[in-house]
PDB file of N, CA and C in Angstrom:
ATOM      1  N   MET A   1       7.412 -24.640 -12.057  1.00  0.00           N
ATOM      2  CA  MET A   1       8.017 -23.330 -11.979  1.00  0.00           C
ATOM      3  C   MET A   1       8.526 -23.073 -10.571  1.00  0.00           C
ATOM      4  N   PHE A   2       9.454 -22.191 -10.477  1.00  0.00           N
ATOM      5  CA  PHE A   2      10.047 -21.825  -9.201  1.00  0.00           C
ATOM      6  C   PHE A   2       9.237 -20.705  -8.561  1.00  0.00           C
ATOM      7  N   ASN A   3       8.719 -20.944  -7.360  1.00  0.00           N
ATOM      8  CA  ASN A   3       7.999 -19.917  -6.618  1.00  0.00           C
ATOM      9  C   ASN A   3       8.976 -19.146  -5.746  1.00  0.00           C
ATOM     10  N   LYS A   4       8.849 -17.833  -5.774  1.00  0.00           N
ATOM     11  CA  LYS A   4       9.707 -17.014  -4.941  1.00  0.00           C
ATOM     12  C   LYS A   4       9.311 -17.183  -3.482  1.00  0.00           C
ATOM     13  N   LYS A   5      10.307 -17.286  -2.642  1.00  0.00           N
ATOM     14  CA  LYS A   5      10.069 -17.436  -1.205  1.00  0.00           C
ATOM     15  C   LYS A   5       9.526 -16.115  -0.655  1.00  0.00           C
ATOM     16  N   LYS A   6       8.478 -16.218   0.126  1.00  0.00           N
ATOM     17  CA  LYS A   6       7.871 -15.045   0.752  1.00  0.00           C
ATOM     18  C   LYS A   6       8.248 -15.024   2.226  1.00  0.00           C
ATOM     19  N   GLU A   7       8.298 -13.830   2.760  1.00  0.00           N
ATOM     20  CA  GLU A   7       8.664 -13.648   4.155  1.00  0.00           C
ATOM     21  C   GLU A   7       7.647 -12.751   4.844  1.00  0.00           C
ATOM     22  N   ARG A   8       7.641 -12.787   6.164  1.00  0.00           N
ATOM     23  CA  ARG A   8       6.774 -11.912   6.949  1.00  0.00           C
ATOM     24  C   ARG A   8       7.508 -10.622   7.281  1.00  0.00           C
ATOM     25  N   LEU A   9       6.843  -9.525   7.013  1.00  0.00           N
ATOM     26  CA  LEU A   9       7.341  -8.213   7.417  1.00  0.00           C
ATOM     27  C   LEU A   9       6.468  -7.762   8.582  1.00  0.00           C
ATOM     28  N   TYR A  10       7.046  -7.742   9.775  1.00  0.00           N
ATOM     29  CA  TYR A  10       6.298  -7.367  10.974  1.00  0.00           C
ATOM     30  C   TYR A  10       6.262  -5.848  11.127  1.00  0.00           C
ATOM     31  N   ILE A  11       5.091  -5.330  11.439  1.00  0.00           N
ATOM     32  CA  ILE A  11       4.935  -3.892  11.643  1.00  0.00           C
ATOM     33  C   ILE A  11       5.799  -3.431  12.811  1.00  0.00           C
ATOM     34  N   SER A  12       5.947  -4.258  13.818  1.00  0.00           N
ATOM     35  CA  SER A  12       6.783  -3.907  14.966  1.00  0.00           C
ATOM     36  C   SER A  12       8.253  -3.723  14.572  1.00  0.00           C
ATOM     37  N   ASP A  13       8.671  -4.288  13.443  1.00  0.00           N
ATOM     38  CA  ASP A  13      10.029  -4.068  12.946  1.00  0.00           C
ATOM     39  C   ASP A  13      10.159  -2.710  12.254  1.00  0.00           C
ATOM     40  N   LEU A  14       9.038  -2.175  11.773  1.00  0.00           N
ATOM     41  CA  LEU A  14       9.045  -0.865  11.110  1.00  0.00           C
ATOM     42  C   LEU A  14       8.862   0.282  12.099  1.00  0.00           C
ATOM     43  N   LEU A  15       7.952   0.087  13.048  1.00  0.00           N
ATOM     44  CA  LEU A  15       7.589   1.152  13.980  1.00  0.00           C
ATOM     45  C   LEU A  15       7.621   0.638  15.412  1.00  0.00           C
ATOM     46  N   GLU A  16       8.130   1.463  16.315  1.00  0.00           N
ATOM     47  CA  GLU A  16       8.157   1.072  17.721  1.00  0.00           C
ATOM     48  C   GLU A  16       6.768   0.994  18.321  1.00  0.00           C
ATOM     49  N   ASP A  17       5.972   2.022  18.086  1.00  0.00           N
ATOM     50  CA  ASP A  17       4.641   2.101  18.684  1.00  0.00           C
ATOM     51  C   ASP A  17       3.628   2.478  17.597  1.00  0.00           C
ATOM     52  N   PRO A  18       3.203   1.496  16.776  1.00  0.00           N
ATOM     53  CA  PRO A  18       2.274   1.829  15.684  1.00  0.00           C
ATOM     54  C   PRO A  18       0.901   2.249  16.210  1.00  0.00           C
ATOM     55  N   ALA A  19       0.295   3.228  15.541  1.00  0.00           N
ATOM     56  CA  ALA A  19      -1.062   3.663  15.885  1.00  0.00           C
ATOM     57  C   ALA A  19      -2.064   2.590  15.495  1.00  0.00           C
ATOM     58  N   VAL A  20      -1.765   1.874  14.418  1.00  0.00           N
ATOM     59  CA  VAL A  20      -2.605   0.775  13.946  1.00  0.00           C
ATOM     60  C   VAL A  20      -1.715  -0.458  13.885  1.00  0.00           C
ATOM     61  N   SER A  21      -1.999  -1.430  14.727  1.00  0.00           N
ATOM     62  CA  SER A  21      -1.143  -2.610  14.773  1.00  0.00           C
ATOM     63  C   SER A  21      -1.722  -3.803  14.018  1.00  0.00           C
ATOM     64  N   TYR A  22      -2.878  -3.614  13.402  1.00  0.00           N
ATOM     65  CA  TYR A  22      -3.471  -4.705  12.624  1.00  0.00           C
ATOM     66  C   TYR A  22      -3.398  -4.366  11.152  1.00  0.00           C
ATOM     67  N   PRO A  23      -2.990  -5.214  10.304  1.00  0.00           N
ATOM     68  CA  PRO A  23      -2.427  -6.527  10.608  1.00  0.00           C
ATOM     69  C   PRO A  23      -1.032  -6.389  11.216  1.00  0.00           C
ATOM     70  N   ALA A  24      -0.652  -7.371  11.973  1.00  0.00           N
ATOM     71  CA  ALA A  24       0.639  -7.339  12.659  1.00  0.00           C
ATOM     72  C   ALA A  24       1.801  -7.592  11.700  1.00  0.00           C
ATOM     73  N   TYR A  25       1.510  -8.223  10.558  1.00  0.00           N
ATOM     74  CA  TYR A  25       2.557  -8.513   9.575  1.00  0.00           C
ATOM     75  C   TYR A  25       1.941  -8.601   8.179  1.00  0.00           C
ATOM     76  N   TYR A  26       2.815  -8.526   7.191  1.00  0.00           N
ATOM     77  CA  TYR A  26       2.448  -8.720   5.784  1.00  0.00           C
ATOM     78  C   TYR A  26       3.373  -9.783   5.214  1.00  0.00           C
ATOM     79  N   ILE A  27       2.836 -10.653   4.390  1.00  0.00           N
ATOM     80  CA  ILE A  27       3.655 -11.647   3.707  1.00  0.00           C
ATOM     81  C   ILE A  27       4.010 -11.078   2.336  1.00  0.00           C
ATOM     82  N   LEU A  28       5.310 -10.894   2.120  1.00  0.00           N
ATOM     83  CA  LEU A  28       5.803 -10.242   0.902  1.00  0.00           C
ATOM     84  C   LEU A  28       7.037 -10.967   0.367  1.00  0.00           C
ATOM     85  N   SER A  29       7.324 -10.711  -0.903  1.00  0.00           N
ATOM     86  CA  SER A  29       8.560 -11.232  -1.490  1.00  0.00           C
ATOM     87  C   SER A  29       9.737 -10.439  -0.914  1.00  0.00           C
ATOM     88  N   LYS A  30      10.924 -11.009  -1.047  1.00  0.00           N
ATOM     89  CA  LYS A  30      12.129 -10.337  -0.543  1.00  0.00           C
ATOM     90  C   LYS A  30      12.330  -8.978  -1.206  1.00  0.00           C
ATOM     91  N   SER A  31      12.025  -8.894  -2.502  1.00  0.00           N
ATOM     92  CA  SER A  31      12.209  -7.616  -3.187  1.00  0.00           C
ATOM     93  C   SER A  31      11.222  -6.566  -2.680  1.00  0.00           C
ATOM     94  N   MET A  32       9.996  -6.973  -2.349  1.00  0.00           N
ATOM     95  CA  MET A  32       9.018  -6.024  -1.820  1.00  0.00           C
ATOM     96  C   MET A  32       9.399  -5.568  -0.411  1.00  0.00           C
ATOM     97  N   ILE A  33       9.976  -6.455   0.374  1.00  0.00           N
ATOM     98  CA  ILE A  33      10.399  -6.089   1.728  1.00  0.00           C
ATOM     99  C   ILE A  33      11.514  -5.051   1.690  1.00  0.00           C
ATOM    100  N   LYS A  34      12.292  -5.050   0.612  1.00  0.00           N
ATOM    101  CA  LYS A  34      13.382  -4.085   0.457  1.00  0.00           C
ATOM    102  C   LYS A  34      12.942  -2.810  -0.266  1.00  0.00           C
ATOM    103  N   ASN A  35      11.702  -2.746  -0.738  1.00  0.00           N
ATOM    104  CA  ASN A  35      11.209  -1.602  -1.497  1.00  0.00           C
ATOM    105  C   ASN A  35      10.953  -0.417  -0.558  1.00  0.00           C
ATOM    106  N   GLU A  36      11.790   0.600  -0.658  1.00  0.00           N
ATOM    107  CA  GLU A  36      11.705   1.766   0.230  1.00  0.00           C
ATOM    108  C   GLU A  36      10.379   2.517   0.091  1.00  0.00           C
ATOM    109  N   MET A  37       9.851   2.578  -1.118  1.00  0.00           N
ATOM    110  CA  MET A  37       8.576   3.280  -1.335  1.00  0.00           C
ATOM    111  C   MET A  37       7.446   2.560  -0.598  1.00  0.00           C
ATOM    112  N   LEU A  38       7.446   1.238  -0.658  1.00  0.00           N
ATOM    113  CA  LEU A  38       6.427   0.459   0.038  1.00  0.00           C
ATOM    114  C   LEU A  38       6.580   0.603   1.546  1.00  0.00           C
ATOM    115  N   LEU A  39       7.801   0.524   2.040  1.00  0.00           N
ATOM    116  CA  LEU A  39       8.037   0.656   3.478  1.00  0.00           C
ATOM    117  C   LEU A  39       7.598   2.020   3.995  1.00  0.00           C
ATOM    118  N   THR A  40       7.850   3.058   3.217  1.00  0.00           N
ATOM    119  CA  THR A  40       7.429   4.406   3.598  1.00  0.00           C
ATOM    120  C   THR A  40       5.909   4.495   3.661  1.00  0.00           C
ATOM    121  N   ALA A  41       5.228   3.912   2.683  1.00  0.00           N
ATOM    122  CA  ALA A  41       3.760   3.920   2.677  1.00  0.00           C
ATOM    123  C   ALA A  41       3.211   3.131   3.865  1.00  0.00           C
ATOM    124  N   LEU A  42       3.810   1.998   4.181  1.00  0.00           N
ATOM    125  CA  LEU A  42       3.376   1.199   5.324  1.00  0.00           C
ATOM    126  C   LEU A  42       3.586   1.950   6.640  1.00  0.00           C
ATOM    127  N   GLU A  43       4.703   2.640   6.753  1.00  0.00           N
ATOM    128  CA  GLU A  43       4.954   3.435   7.958  1.00  0.00           C
ATOM    129  C   GLU A  43       3.907   4.537   8.105  1.00  0.00           C
ATOM    130  N   ALA A  44       3.577   5.215   7.006  1.00  0.00           N
ATOM    131  CA  ALA A  44       2.550   6.264   7.054  1.00  0.00           C
ATOM    132  C   ALA A  44       1.203   5.682   7.449  1.00  0.00           C
ATOM    133  N   LEU A  45       0.853   4.550   6.868  1.00  0.00           N
ATOM    134  CA  LEU A  45      -0.435   3.923   7.150  1.00  0.00           C
ATOM    135  C   LEU A  45      -0.550   3.482   8.607  1.00  0.00           C
ATOM    136  N   HIS A  46       0.492   2.860   9.132  1.00  0.00           N
ATOM    137  CA  HIS A  46       0.420   2.311  10.483  1.00  0.00           C
ATOM    138  C   HIS A  46       0.717   3.335  11.572  1.00  0.00           C
ATOM    139  N   SER A  47       1.248   4.485  11.203  1.00  0.00           N
ATOM    140  CA  SER A  47       1.452   5.555  12.183  1.00  0.00           C
ATOM    141  C   SER A  47       0.364   6.626  12.053  1.00  0.00           C
ATOM    142  N   PHE A  48      -0.457   6.507  11.022  1.00  0.00           N
ATOM    143  CA  PHE A  48      -1.474   7.508  10.685  1.00  0.00           C
ATOM    144  C   PHE A  48      -0.829   8.882  10.483  1.00  0.00           C
ATOM    145  N   ASP A  49       0.374   8.891   9.937  1.00  0.00           N
ATOM    146  CA  ASP A  49       1.103  10.118   9.657  1.00  0.00           C
ATOM    147  C   ASP A  49       0.989  10.401   8.150  1.00  0.00           C
ATOM    148  N   PHE A  50      -0.062  11.107   7.777  1.00  0.00           N
ATOM    149  CA  PHE A  50      -0.339  11.369   6.367  1.00  0.00           C
ATOM    150  C   PHE A  50       0.059  12.784   5.943  1.00  0.00           C
ATOM    151  N   LYS A  51       1.069  13.363   6.623  1.00  0.00           N
ATOM    152  CA  LYS A  51       1.438  14.745   6.317  1.00  0.00           C
ATOM    153  C   LYS A  51       1.943  14.929   4.886  1.00  0.00           C
ATOM    154  N   PHE A  52       2.453  13.891   4.266  1.00  0.00           N
ATOM    155  CA  PHE A  52       2.935  14.000   2.887  1.00  0.00           C
ATOM    156  C   PHE A  52       1.884  13.556   1.875  1.00  0.00           C
ATOM    157  N   TYR A  53       0.705  13.208   2.348  1.00  0.00           N
ATOM    158  CA  TYR A  53      -0.371  12.722   1.485  1.00  0.00           C
ATOM    159  C   TYR A  53      -1.487  13.746   1.384  1.00  0.00           C
ATOM    160  N   GLU A  54      -2.222  13.685   0.283  1.00  0.00           N
ATOM    161  CA  GLU A  54      -3.391  14.534   0.066  1.00  0.00           C
ATOM    162  C   GLU A  54      -4.381  13.790  -0.813  1.00  0.00           C
ATOM    163  N   GLN A  55      -5.600  14.296  -0.874  1.00  0.00           N
ATOM    164  CA  GLN A  55      -6.584  13.678  -1.753  1.00  0.00           C
ATOM    165  C   GLN A  55      -6.250  14.053  -3.194  1.00  0.00           C
ATOM    166  N   PRO A  56      -6.348  13.095  -4.092  1.00  0.00           N
ATOM    167  CA  PRO A  56      -6.039  13.380  -5.504  1.00  0.00           C
ATOM    168  C   PRO A  56      -7.119  14.262  -6.137  1.00  0.00           C
ATOM    169  N   LYS A  57      -6.703  15.015  -7.124  1.00  0.00           N
ATOM    170  CA  LYS A  57      -7.655  15.849  -7.861  1.00  0.00           C
ATOM    171  C   LYS A  57      -8.352  15.051  -8.957  1.00  0.00           C
ATOM    172  N   SER A  58      -7.643  14.048  -9.483  1.00  0.00           N
ATOM    173  CA  SER A  58      -8.214  13.198 -10.526  1.00  0.00           C
ATOM    174  C   SER A  58      -7.535  11.827 -10.478  1.00  0.00           C
ATOM    175  N   HIS A  59      -8.045  10.930 -11.280  1.00  0.00           N
ATOM    176  CA  HIS A  59      -7.469   9.583 -11.348  1.00  0.00           C
ATOM    177  C   HIS A  59      -6.034   9.609 -11.862  1.00  0.00           C
ATOM    178  N   SER A  60      -5.702  10.616 -12.644  1.00  0.00           N
ATOM    179  CA  SER A  60      -4.341  10.690 -13.180  1.00  0.00           C
ATOM    180  C   SER A  60      -3.309  10.860 -12.062  1.00  0.00           C
ATOM    181  N   ASP A  61      -3.685  11.481 -10.934  1.00  0.00           N
ATOM    182  CA  ASP A  61      -2.761  11.596  -9.792  1.00  0.00           C
ATOM    183  C   ASP A  61      -2.417  10.223  -9.227  1.00  0.00           C
ATOM    184  N   ILE A  62      -3.405   9.340  -9.181  1.00  0.00           N
ATOM    185  CA  ILE A  62      -3.187   7.978  -8.669  1.00  0.00           C
ATOM    186  C   ILE A  62      -2.260   7.215  -9.603  1.00  0.00           C
ATOM    187  N   PHE A  63      -2.534   7.299 -10.912  1.00  0.00           N
ATOM    188  CA  PHE A  63      -1.716   6.563 -11.871  1.00  0.00           C
ATOM    189  C   PHE A  63      -0.325   7.168 -12.020  1.00  0.00           C
ATOM    190  N   ALA A  64      -0.173   8.440 -11.721  1.00  0.00           N
ATOM    191  CA  ALA A  64       1.161   9.044 -11.723  1.00  0.00           C
ATOM    192  C   ALA A  64       2.004   8.448 -10.596  1.00  0.00           C
ATOM    193  N   MET A  65       1.366   8.175  -9.462  1.00  0.00           N
ATOM    194  CA  MET A  65       2.095   7.516  -8.371  1.00  0.00           C
ATOM    195  C   MET A  65       2.520   6.112  -8.778  1.00  0.00           C
ATOM    196  N   PHE A  66       1.606   5.378  -9.399  1.00  0.00           N
ATOM    197  CA  PHE A  66       1.956   4.026  -9.862  1.00  0.00           C
ATOM    198  C   PHE A  66       3.141   4.080 -10.824  1.00  0.00           C
ATOM    199  N   ALA A  67       3.108   5.032 -11.748  1.00  0.00           N
ATOM    200  CA  ALA A  67       4.178   5.155 -12.741  1.00  0.00           C
ATOM    201  C   ALA A  67       5.513   5.492 -12.078  1.00  0.00           C
ATOM    202  N   GLY A  68       5.460   6.212 -10.961  1.00  0.00           N
ATOM    203  CA  GLY A  68       6.674   6.568 -10.233  1.00  0.00           C
ATOM    204  C   GLY A  68       7.139   5.498  -9.251  1.00  0.00           C
ATOM    205  N   GLY A  69       6.446   4.357  -9.236  1.00  0.00           N
ATOM    206  CA  GLY A  69       6.835   3.274  -8.340  1.00  0.00           C
ATOM    207  C   GLY A  69       6.371   3.470  -6.910  1.00  0.00           C
ATOM    208  N   MET A  70       5.446   4.399  -6.705  1.00  0.00           N
ATOM    209  CA  MET A  70       4.945   4.674  -5.360  1.00  0.00           C
ATOM    210  C   MET A  70       3.612   3.960  -5.133  1.00  0.00           C
ATOM    211  N   PHE A  71       3.146   4.022  -3.909  1.00  0.00           N
ATOM    212  CA  PHE A  71       1.956   3.293  -3.499  1.00  0.00           C
ATOM    213  C   PHE A  71       0.948   4.237  -2.846  1.00  0.00           C
ATOM    214  N   PRO A  72      -0.174   4.521  -3.516  1.00  0.00           N
ATOM    215  CA  PRO A  72      -1.212   5.330  -2.873  1.00  0.00           C
ATOM    216  C   PRO A  72      -1.907   4.537  -1.774  1.00  0.00           C
ATOM    217  N   ILE A  73      -2.655   5.246  -0.950  1.00  0.00           N
ATOM    218  CA  ILE A  73      -3.382   4.620   0.157  1.00  0.00           C
ATOM    219  C   ILE A  73      -4.871   4.753  -0.123  1.00  0.00           C
ATOM    220  N   TYR A  74      -5.608   3.667   0.094  1.00  0.00           N
ATOM    221  CA  TYR A  74      -7.043   3.628  -0.149  1.00  0.00           C
ATOM    222  C   TYR A  74      -7.790   3.529   1.173  1.00  0.00           C
ATOM    223  N   LYS A  75      -8.690   4.442   1.394  1.00  0.00           N
ATOM    224  CA  LYS A  75      -9.552   4.483   2.589  1.00  0.00           C
ATOM    225  C   LYS A  75      -8.763   4.456   3.897  1.00  0.00           C
ATOM    226  N   GLU A  76      -7.566   5.003   3.895  1.00  0.00           N
ATOM    227  CA  GLU A  76      -6.691   5.016   5.063  1.00  0.00           C
ATOM    228  C   GLU A  76      -6.577   3.626   5.690  1.00  0.00           C
ATOM    229  N   LYS A  77      -6.652   2.612   4.819  1.00  0.00           N
ATOM    230  CA  LYS A  77      -6.653   1.237   5.299  1.00  0.00           C
ATOM    231  C   LYS A  77      -5.745   0.318   4.485  1.00  0.00           C
ATOM    232  N   TYR A  78      -5.610   0.573   3.174  1.00  0.00           N
ATOM    233  CA  TYR A  78      -4.874  -0.328   2.297  1.00  0.00           C
ATOM    234  C   TYR A  78      -3.820   0.424   1.489  1.00  0.00           C
ATOM    235  N   ILE A  79      -2.686  -0.224   1.316  1.00  0.00           N
ATOM    236  CA  ILE A  79      -1.668   0.216   0.364  1.00  0.00           C
ATOM    237  C   ILE A  79      -2.063  -0.398  -0.973  1.00  0.00           C
ATOM    238  N   VAL A  80      -2.005   0.390  -2.045  1.00  0.00           N
ATOM    239  CA  VAL A  80      -2.420  -0.089  -3.364  1.00  0.00           C
ATOM    240  C   VAL A  80      -1.229  -0.044  -4.308  1.00  0.00           C
ATOM    241  N   GLY A  81      -1.055  -1.121  -5.059  1.00  0.00           N
ATOM    242  CA  GLY A  81      -0.010  -1.205  -6.064  1.00  0.00           C
ATOM    243  C   GLY A  81      -0.613  -1.512  -7.422  1.00  0.00           C
ATOM    244  N   TYR A  82       0.194  -1.360  -8.453  1.00  0.00           N
ATOM    245  CA  TYR A  82      -0.251  -1.621  -9.821  1.00  0.00           C
ATOM    246  C   TYR A  82       0.746  -2.583 -10.441  1.00  0.00           C
ATOM    247  N   PHE A  83       0.321  -3.839 -10.626  1.00  0.00           N
ATOM    248  CA  PHE A  83       1.208  -4.891 -11.118  1.00  0.00           C
ATOM    249  C   PHE A  83       0.544  -5.626 -12.270  1.00  0.00           C
ATOM    250  N   GLY A  84       1.243  -5.762 -13.366  1.00  0.00           N
ATOM    251  CA  GLY A  84       0.721  -6.518 -14.502  1.00  0.00           C
ATOM    252  C   GLY A  84      -0.601  -5.997 -15.029  1.00  0.00           C
ATOM    253  N   GLY A  85      -0.794  -4.692 -14.997  1.00  0.00           N
ATOM    254  CA  GLY A  85      -2.029  -4.093 -15.496  1.00  0.00           C
ATOM    255  C   GLY A  85      -3.210  -4.224 -14.547  1.00  0.00           C
ATOM    256  N   LYS A  86      -2.940  -4.607 -13.284  1.00  0.00           N
ATOM    257  CA  LYS A  86      -4.012  -4.759 -12.300  1.00  0.00           C
ATOM    258  C   LYS A  86      -3.710  -3.936 -11.059  1.00  0.00           C
ATOM    259  N   MET A  87      -4.755  -3.304 -10.525  1.00  0.00           N
ATOM    260  CA  MET A  87      -4.622  -2.639  -9.238  1.00  0.00           C
ATOM    261  C   MET A  87      -4.802  -3.698  -8.158  1.00  0.00           C
ATOM    262  N   MET A  88      -3.880  -3.690  -7.186  1.00  0.00           N
ATOM    263  CA  MET A  88      -3.906  -4.690  -6.128  1.00  0.00           C
ATOM    264  C   MET A  88      -3.738  -3.977  -4.790  1.00  0.00           C
ATOM    265  N   TYR A  89      -4.404  -4.500  -3.771  1.00  0.00           N
ATOM    266  CA  TYR A  89      -4.246  -3.945  -2.430  1.00  0.00           C
ATOM    267  C   TYR A  89      -3.533  -4.960  -1.552  1.00  0.00           C
ATOM    268  N   LEU A  90      -2.840  -4.448  -0.541  1.00  0.00           N
ATOM    269  CA  LEU A  90      -2.018  -5.303   0.313  1.00  0.00           C
ATOM    270  C   LEU A  90      -2.795  -5.700   1.565  1.00  0.00           C
ATOM    271  N   GLU A  91      -2.932  -6.999   1.748  1.00  0.00           N
ATOM    272  CA  GLU A  91      -3.498  -7.583   2.965  1.00  0.00           C
ATOM    273  C   GLU A  91      -2.384  -8.316   3.685  1.00  0.00           C
ATOM    274  N   SER A  92      -2.672  -8.828   4.855  1.00  0.00           N
ATOM    275  CA  SER A  92      -1.617  -9.493   5.622  1.00  0.00           C
ATOM    276  C   SER A  92      -1.011 -10.676   4.880  1.00  0.00           C
ATOM    277  N   HIS A  93      -1.791 -11.368   4.062  1.00  0.00           N
ATOM    278  CA  HIS A  93      -1.267 -12.541   3.357  1.00  0.00           C
ATOM    279  C   HIS A  93      -0.820 -12.241   1.928  1.00  0.00           C
ATOM    280  N   GLY A  94      -0.592 -10.967   1.634  1.00  0.00           N
ATOM    281  CA  GLY A  94      -0.048 -10.602   0.331  1.00  0.00           C
ATOM    282  C   GLY A  94      -0.977  -9.725  -0.485  1.00  0.00           C
ATOM    283  N   TRP A  95      -0.623  -9.580  -1.743  1.00  0.00           N
ATOM    284  CA  TRP A  95      -1.353  -8.706  -2.661  1.00  0.00           C
ATOM    285  C   TRP A  95      -2.599  -9.410  -3.171  1.00  0.00           C
ATOM    286  N   LYS A  96      -3.720  -8.695  -3.174  1.00  0.00           N
ATOM    287  CA  LYS A  96      -5.005  -9.211  -3.658  1.00  0.00           C
ATOM    288  C   LYS A  96      -5.530  -8.283  -4.740  1.00  0.00           C
ATOM    289  N   SER A  97      -6.203  -8.851  -5.716  1.00  0.00           N
ATOM    290  CA  SER A  97      -6.787  -8.061  -6.797  1.00  0.00           C
ATOM    291  C   SER A  97      -7.876  -7.152  -6.232  1.00  0.00           C
ATOM    292  N   MET A  98      -7.885  -5.919  -6.686  1.00  0.00           N
ATOM    293  CA  MET A  98      -8.821  -4.932  -6.158  1.00  0.00           C
ATOM    294  C   MET A  98     -10.131  -4.994  -6.931  1.00  0.00           C
ATOM    295  N   PRO A  99     -11.237  -5.234  -6.241  1.00  0.00           N
ATOM    296  CA  PRO A  99     -12.534  -5.277  -6.939  1.00  0.00           C
ATOM    297  C   PRO A  99     -12.953  -3.883  -7.394  1.00  0.00           C
ATOM    298  N   VAL A 100     -13.553  -3.811  -8.551  1.00  0.00           N
ATOM    299  CA  VAL A 100     -14.003  -2.525  -9.087  1.00  0.00           C
ATOM    300  C   VAL A 100     -15.412  -2.262  -8.565  1.00  0.00           C
ATOM    301  N   THR A 101     -15.495  -1.278  -7.691  1.00  0.00           N
ATOM    302  CA  THR A 101     -16.778  -0.861  -7.134  1.00  0.00           C
ATOM    303  C   THR A 101     -16.927   0.639  -7.346  1.00  0.00           C
ATOM    304  N   GLU A 102     -18.109   1.138  -7.072  1.00  0.00           N
ATOM    305  CA  GLU A 102     -18.352   2.580  -7.210  1.00  0.00           C
ATOM    306  C   GLU A 102     -17.447   3.375  -6.266  1.00  0.00           C
ATOM    307  N   GLU A 103     -17.182   2.832  -5.069  1.00  0.00           N
ATOM    308  CA  GLU A 103     -16.321   3.508  -4.097  1.00  0.00           C
ATOM    309  C   GLU A 103     -14.907   3.722  -4.621  1.00  0.00           C
ATOM    310  N   LEU A 104     -14.467   2.832  -5.476  1.00  0.00           N
ATOM    311  CA  LEU A 104     -13.122   2.923  -6.036  1.00  0.00           C
ATOM    312  C   LEU A 104     -12.922   4.219  -6.812  1.00  0.00           C
ATOM    313  N   PHE A 105     -13.972   4.734  -7.403  1.00  0.00           N
ATOM    314  CA  PHE A 105     -13.876   5.930  -8.235  1.00  0.00           C
ATOM    315  C   PHE A 105     -14.087   7.221  -7.449  1.00  0.00           C
ATOM    316  N   ASN A 106     -14.357   7.128  -6.183  1.00  0.00           N
ATOM    317  CA  ASN A 106     -14.537   8.303  -5.339  1.00  0.00           C
ATOM    318  C   ASN A 106     -13.170   8.798  -4.889  1.00  0.00           C
ATOM    319  N   MET A 107     -12.793   9.986  -5.304  1.00  0.00           N
ATOM    320  CA  MET A 107     -11.456  10.524  -4.978  1.00  0.00           C
ATOM    321  C   MET A 107     -11.270  10.749  -3.479  1.00  0.00           C
ATOM    322  N   GLU A 108     -12.335  10.903  -2.723  1.00  0.00           N
ATOM    323  CA  GLU A 108     -12.228  11.105  -1.286  1.00  0.00           C
ATOM    324  C   GLU A 108     -11.702   9.873  -0.574  1.00  0.00           C
ATOM    325  N   ASN A 109     -11.720   8.708  -1.205  1.00  0.00           N
ATOM    326  CA  ASN A 109     -11.249   7.465  -0.604  1.00  0.00           C
ATOM    327  C   ASN A 109      -9.743   7.260  -0.780  1.00  0.00           C
ATOM    328  N   TRP A 110      -9.084   8.127  -1.528  1.00  0.00           N
ATOM    329  CA  TRP A 110      -7.672   7.948  -1.864  1.00  0.00           C
ATOM    330  C   TRP A 110      -6.789   8.995  -1.193  1.00  0.00           C
ATOM    331  N   LEU A 111      -5.540   8.607  -0.954  1.00  0.00           N
ATOM    332  CA  LEU A 111      -4.497   9.531  -0.514  1.00  0.00           C
ATOM    333  C   LEU A 111      -3.291   9.303  -1.423  1.00  0.00           C
ATOM    334  N   VAL A 112      -2.762  10.402  -1.956  1.00  0.00           N
ATOM    335  CA  VAL A 112      -1.579  10.338  -2.823  1.00  0.00           C
ATOM    336  C   VAL A 112      -0.535  11.327  -2.281  1.00  0.00           C
ATOM    337  N   CYS A 113       0.702  11.127  -2.687  1.00  0.00           N
ATOM    338  CA  CYS A 113       1.733  12.089  -2.269  1.00  0.00           C
ATOM    339  C   CYS A 113       2.470  12.615  -3.478  1.00  0.00           C
TER     340      CYS A 113
END
């Protein structure tokens, strides 16, 4: 099968002076690098500018973001996406499957817009 080429998206290319510079880059597909919703979420996360985000009232707020193609933030540390029926969080080397823990169900750990 043909594997899609992945590229590095450097935080320094998104923000001049990020509040959080780790990780310094994310490895993403070309289509994800062009995804404006993802870029906006990454900018908010790395600048700690959460003025458009709030804690969800219920799990349906999180899934409404997924349905709208947006990316909620988990623990002010990870961008979360929903792909192929799985919740995934973004690490520097790409999307990883999100483990189901008790913390996952705590609404205080989430930010939605």
